[in-house]
Amino acid sequence: EAGTTISVTADFVGPTVKLSTPMAGSNAFYGAARAIPALSGNAVDSPAGIKQPVYVQISNVSEIGATKPKWNGSIWDVVNSTWMVVNNAAPWSFASPSWPVNKRFKVEAMANDNAGNSAAASPREFIYDVNAPSSTIVVPASTATFQNAAQIAVLSGRALDWVNRPSTEAYSGLAPSGIELQ
């Protein structure tokens, strides 16, 4: 009797899951001037392949309390987890929710492969800041008059980024870019 050959491929490593948007680090600031219409990333696996679906979770980490509000696809709900299905795997996308203003958010993504392994992307945090910074000239006083630039010995002022409720709101800060005189 002839023997039968069976081939087996072992896969003990989870998939590679990455977040593309929101961006990381110094680029992690969004708002009215820099929209974030969709979250995106990539999930790949070899040799087993990705087992659809890929999942994403969005948390509002600015709020007080141990359990943070999470987007459930319709509303921000205070629950332990709300993993939602994204479109596709490589690449994947998920339509952004209506972002509460001046908050810090955390985005997480996870996927499984066809061998039963799972993995998560490194989470990303970003700030959704809609308040424009404000500036004030301190010296010279607003009542001062000058005939030419040589008469102005000192210029000083303040610039700040602001929120209404610092305990639960986040702001992106200032990016120094110089001053402009007119």
Protein backbone atom coordinates (compact mmCIF):
# COMPACT_ATOMS: atom_id res chain seq x y z
CA GLU A 1 0.00 0.00 0.00
CA ALA A 2 1.37 3.40 -1.01
CA GLY A 3 1.86 6.09 1.66
CA THR A 4 0.21 9.52 1.63
CA THR A 5 2.19 12.72 1.98
CA ILE A 6 0.73 15.46 4.12
CA SER A 7 2.21 18.97 4.22
CA VAL A 8 1.76 21.11 7.32
CA THR A 9 2.73 24.73 7.70
CA ALA A 10 3.14 25.96 11.25
CA ASP A 11 2.34 29.60 12.07
CA PHE A 12 2.96 30.64 15.67
CA VAL A 13 3.38 34.36 15.01
CA GLY A 14 0.54 36.87 15.02
CA PRO A 15 -0.18 39.25 12.16
CA THR A 16 1.50 42.61 11.66
CA VAL A 17 -1.01 45.35 12.45
CA LYS A 18 -0.20 49.02 11.87
CA LEU A 19 -1.93 52.39 12.22
CA SER A 20 -1.27 55.02 9.54
CA THR A 21 -3.84 57.64 10.55
CA PRO A 22 -3.83 59.18 13.06
CA MET A 23 -0.19 60.07 12.69
CA ALA A 24 2.25 59.70 15.58
CA GLY A 25 4.38 62.11 17.59
CA SER A 26 4.62 65.76 16.60
CA ASN A 27 2.07 65.21 13.81
CA ALA A 28 -0.63 63.94 16.21
CA PHE A 29 -2.72 67.11 16.16
CA TYR A 30 -5.98 67.47 14.28
CA GLY A 31 -8.87 69.94 14.25
CA ALA A 32 -10.95 72.17 12.00
CA ALA A 33 -7.87 73.22 9.98
CA ARG A 34 -6.53 69.65 9.71
CA ALA A 35 -9.37 67.17 9.44
CA ILE A 36 -9.17 63.46 10.14
CA PRO A 37 -11.95 62.02 7.94
CA ALA A 38 -10.90 58.38 8.39
CA LEU A 39 -8.65 56.19 10.49
CA SER A 40 -6.45 53.89 8.45
CA GLY A 41 -3.81 51.22 8.69
CA ASN A 42 -2.67 47.85 7.45
CA ALA A 43 -2.93 44.23 8.64
CA VAL A 44 -0.91 41.45 7.00
CA ASP A 45 0.11 37.91 7.92
CA SER A 46 2.15 35.14 6.39
CA PRO A 47 1.84 32.25 5.94
CA ALA A 48 -1.70 31.86 7.38
CA GLY A 49 -3.17 35.16 6.17
CA ILE A 50 -5.51 37.59 7.92
CA LYS A 51 -8.79 36.25 9.24
CA GLN A 52 -11.32 39.00 8.52
CA PRO A 53 -12.44 41.22 10.13
CA VAL A 54 -9.84 43.63 11.50
CA TYR A 55 -10.98 45.68 14.52
CA VAL A 56 -10.49 49.24 15.77
CA GLN A 57 -11.31 50.89 19.10
CA ILE A 58 -11.43 54.67 19.72
CA SER A 59 -11.29 56.05 23.27
CA ASN A 60 -11.73 59.61 24.55
CA VAL A 61 -8.92 59.63 27.13
CA SER A 62 -9.50 63.24 28.24
CA GLU A 63 -12.49 62.37 30.38
CA ILE A 64 -12.23 61.77 34.11
CA GLY A 65 -12.71 58.23 35.39
CA ALA A 66 -11.07 54.84 35.10
CA THR A 67 -13.30 53.70 32.24
CA LYS A 68 -13.07 56.10 29.30
CA PRO A 69 -15.84 56.84 26.78
CA LYS A 70 -15.47 54.80 23.60
CA TRP A 71 -17.05 55.25 20.18
CA ASN A 72 -19.53 52.41 19.60
CA GLY A 73 -20.38 53.34 16.02
CA SER A 74 -23.21 55.68 17.02
CA ILE A 75 -22.36 57.44 20.29
CA TRP A 76 -19.57 57.87 22.83
CA ASP A 77 -20.36 55.30 25.52
CA VAL A 78 -18.62 54.68 28.87
CA VAL A 79 -17.85 50.96 28.55
CA ASN A 80 -14.82 48.70 28.93
CA SER A 81 -14.45 48.01 25.19
CA THR A 82 -16.13 48.58 21.84
CA TRP A 83 -14.08 46.92 19.11
CA MET A 84 -15.58 47.80 15.73
CA VAL A 85 -15.08 46.17 12.33
CA VAL A 86 -13.04 48.11 9.77
CA ASN A 87 -13.19 47.98 5.97
CA ASN A 88 -10.74 45.46 4.45
CA ALA A 89 -7.35 44.49 5.90
CA ALA A 90 -4.49 45.63 3.68
CA PRO A 91 -5.07 48.53 3.76
CA TRP A 92 -8.00 49.06 6.11
CA SER A 93 -10.03 52.18 6.89
CA PHE A 94 -12.70 53.31 9.33
CA ALA A 95 -14.80 56.47 8.99
CA SER A 96 -14.07 58.94 11.77
CA PRO A 97 -16.76 59.68 14.32
CA SER A 98 -17.95 63.16 15.16
CA TRP A 99 -15.00 64.23 17.32
CA PRO A 100 -15.81 66.02 20.59
CA VAL A 101 -13.72 69.20 20.50
CA ASN A 102 -10.53 69.79 22.46
CA LYS A 103 -10.04 66.19 23.55
CA ARG A 104 -7.26 63.60 23.51
CA PHE A 105 -8.11 60.31 21.80
CA LYS A 106 -6.50 56.87 21.69
CA VAL A 107 -6.89 54.61 18.65
CA GLU A 108 -6.17 50.88 18.85
CA ALA A 109 -6.32 48.23 16.12
CA MET A 110 -6.15 44.43 16.28
CA ALA A 111 -6.33 41.48 13.91
CA ASN A 112 -6.32 37.68 13.94
CA ASP A 113 -4.75 35.32 11.46
CA ASN A 114 -6.18 32.09 10.08
CA ALA A 115 -3.95 30.06 12.44
CA GLY A 116 -5.62 31.60 15.51
CA ASN A 117 -2.86 34.07 16.41
CA SER A 118 -3.76 37.65 17.26
CA ALA A 119 -1.82 40.91 17.45
CA ALA A 120 -2.44 44.59 18.03
CA ALA A 121 -0.94 47.73 16.58
CA SER A 122 0.91 50.09 18.88
CA PRO A 123 -1.85 52.44 20.06
CA ARG A 124 -1.78 56.04 18.85
CA GLU A 125 -2.94 59.10 20.73
CA PHE A 126 -3.83 62.42 19.16
CA ILE A 127 -5.47 65.71 20.11
CA TYR A 128 -8.48 67.17 18.32
CA ASP A 129 -8.09 70.91 19.01
CA VAL A 130 -10.44 73.48 17.45
CA ASN A 131 -9.41 76.59 19.41
CA ALA A 132 -7.08 78.98 17.62
CA PRO A 133 -4.31 80.38 19.83
CA SER A 134 -4.61 83.94 21.04
CA SER A 135 -1.96 86.65 21.34
CA THR A 136 -1.67 89.95 23.15
CA ILE A 137 0.80 92.82 22.78
CA VAL A 138 1.95 93.97 26.23
CA VAL A 139 4.62 96.54 25.32
CA PRO A 140 4.14 99.06 23.81
CA ALA A 141 0.79 99.93 25.34
CA SER A 142 -2.14 100.16 22.95
CA THR A 143 -2.31 103.92 23.54
CA ALA A 144 1.31 104.54 22.51
CA THR A 145 2.03 106.32 19.23
CA PHE A 146 5.24 106.24 17.24
CA GLN A 147 6.47 108.20 14.27
CA ASN A 148 9.06 105.64 13.12
CA ALA A 149 10.45 102.21 13.96
CA ALA A 150 13.50 103.67 15.74
CA GLN A 151 11.22 104.95 18.52
CA ILE A 152 10.18 101.41 19.49
CA ALA A 153 12.81 100.17 21.94
CA VAL A 154 10.98 97.05 23.23
CA LEU A 155 8.27 94.78 21.92
CA SER A 156 6.75 92.11 24.13
CA GLY A 157 3.61 90.09 24.29
CA ARG A 158 2.03 86.75 25.06
CA ALA A 159 0.66 83.92 23.01
CA LEU A 160 -1.25 80.96 24.36
CA ASP A 161 -3.32 78.01 23.35
CA TRP A 162 -6.37 77.63 25.52
CA VAL A 163 -9.33 75.48 26.54
CA ASN A 164 -12.41 76.20 28.63
CA ARG A 165 -12.12 73.18 30.97
CA PRO A 166 -8.45 72.19 31.48
CA SER A 167 -9.38 69.17 33.63
CA THR A 168 -11.17 67.42 30.73
CA GLU A 169 -9.99 69.21 27.60
CA ALA A 170 -6.75 68.97 25.65
CA TYR A 171 -4.93 71.48 23.46
CA SER A 172 -2.13 71.12 20.97
CA GLY A 173 0.12 73.92 22.20
CA LEU A 174 1.95 76.57 20.23
CA ALA A 175 4.34 76.13 17.34
CA PRO A 176 6.71 79.12 17.46
CA SER A 177 6.91 80.71 14.05
CA GLY A 178 8.07 84.26 14.82
CA ILE A 179 6.24 87.55 14.87
CA GLU A 180 4.83 89.70 12.14
CA LEU A 181 4.56 93.48 12.39
CA GLN A 182 2.29 95.54 10.19
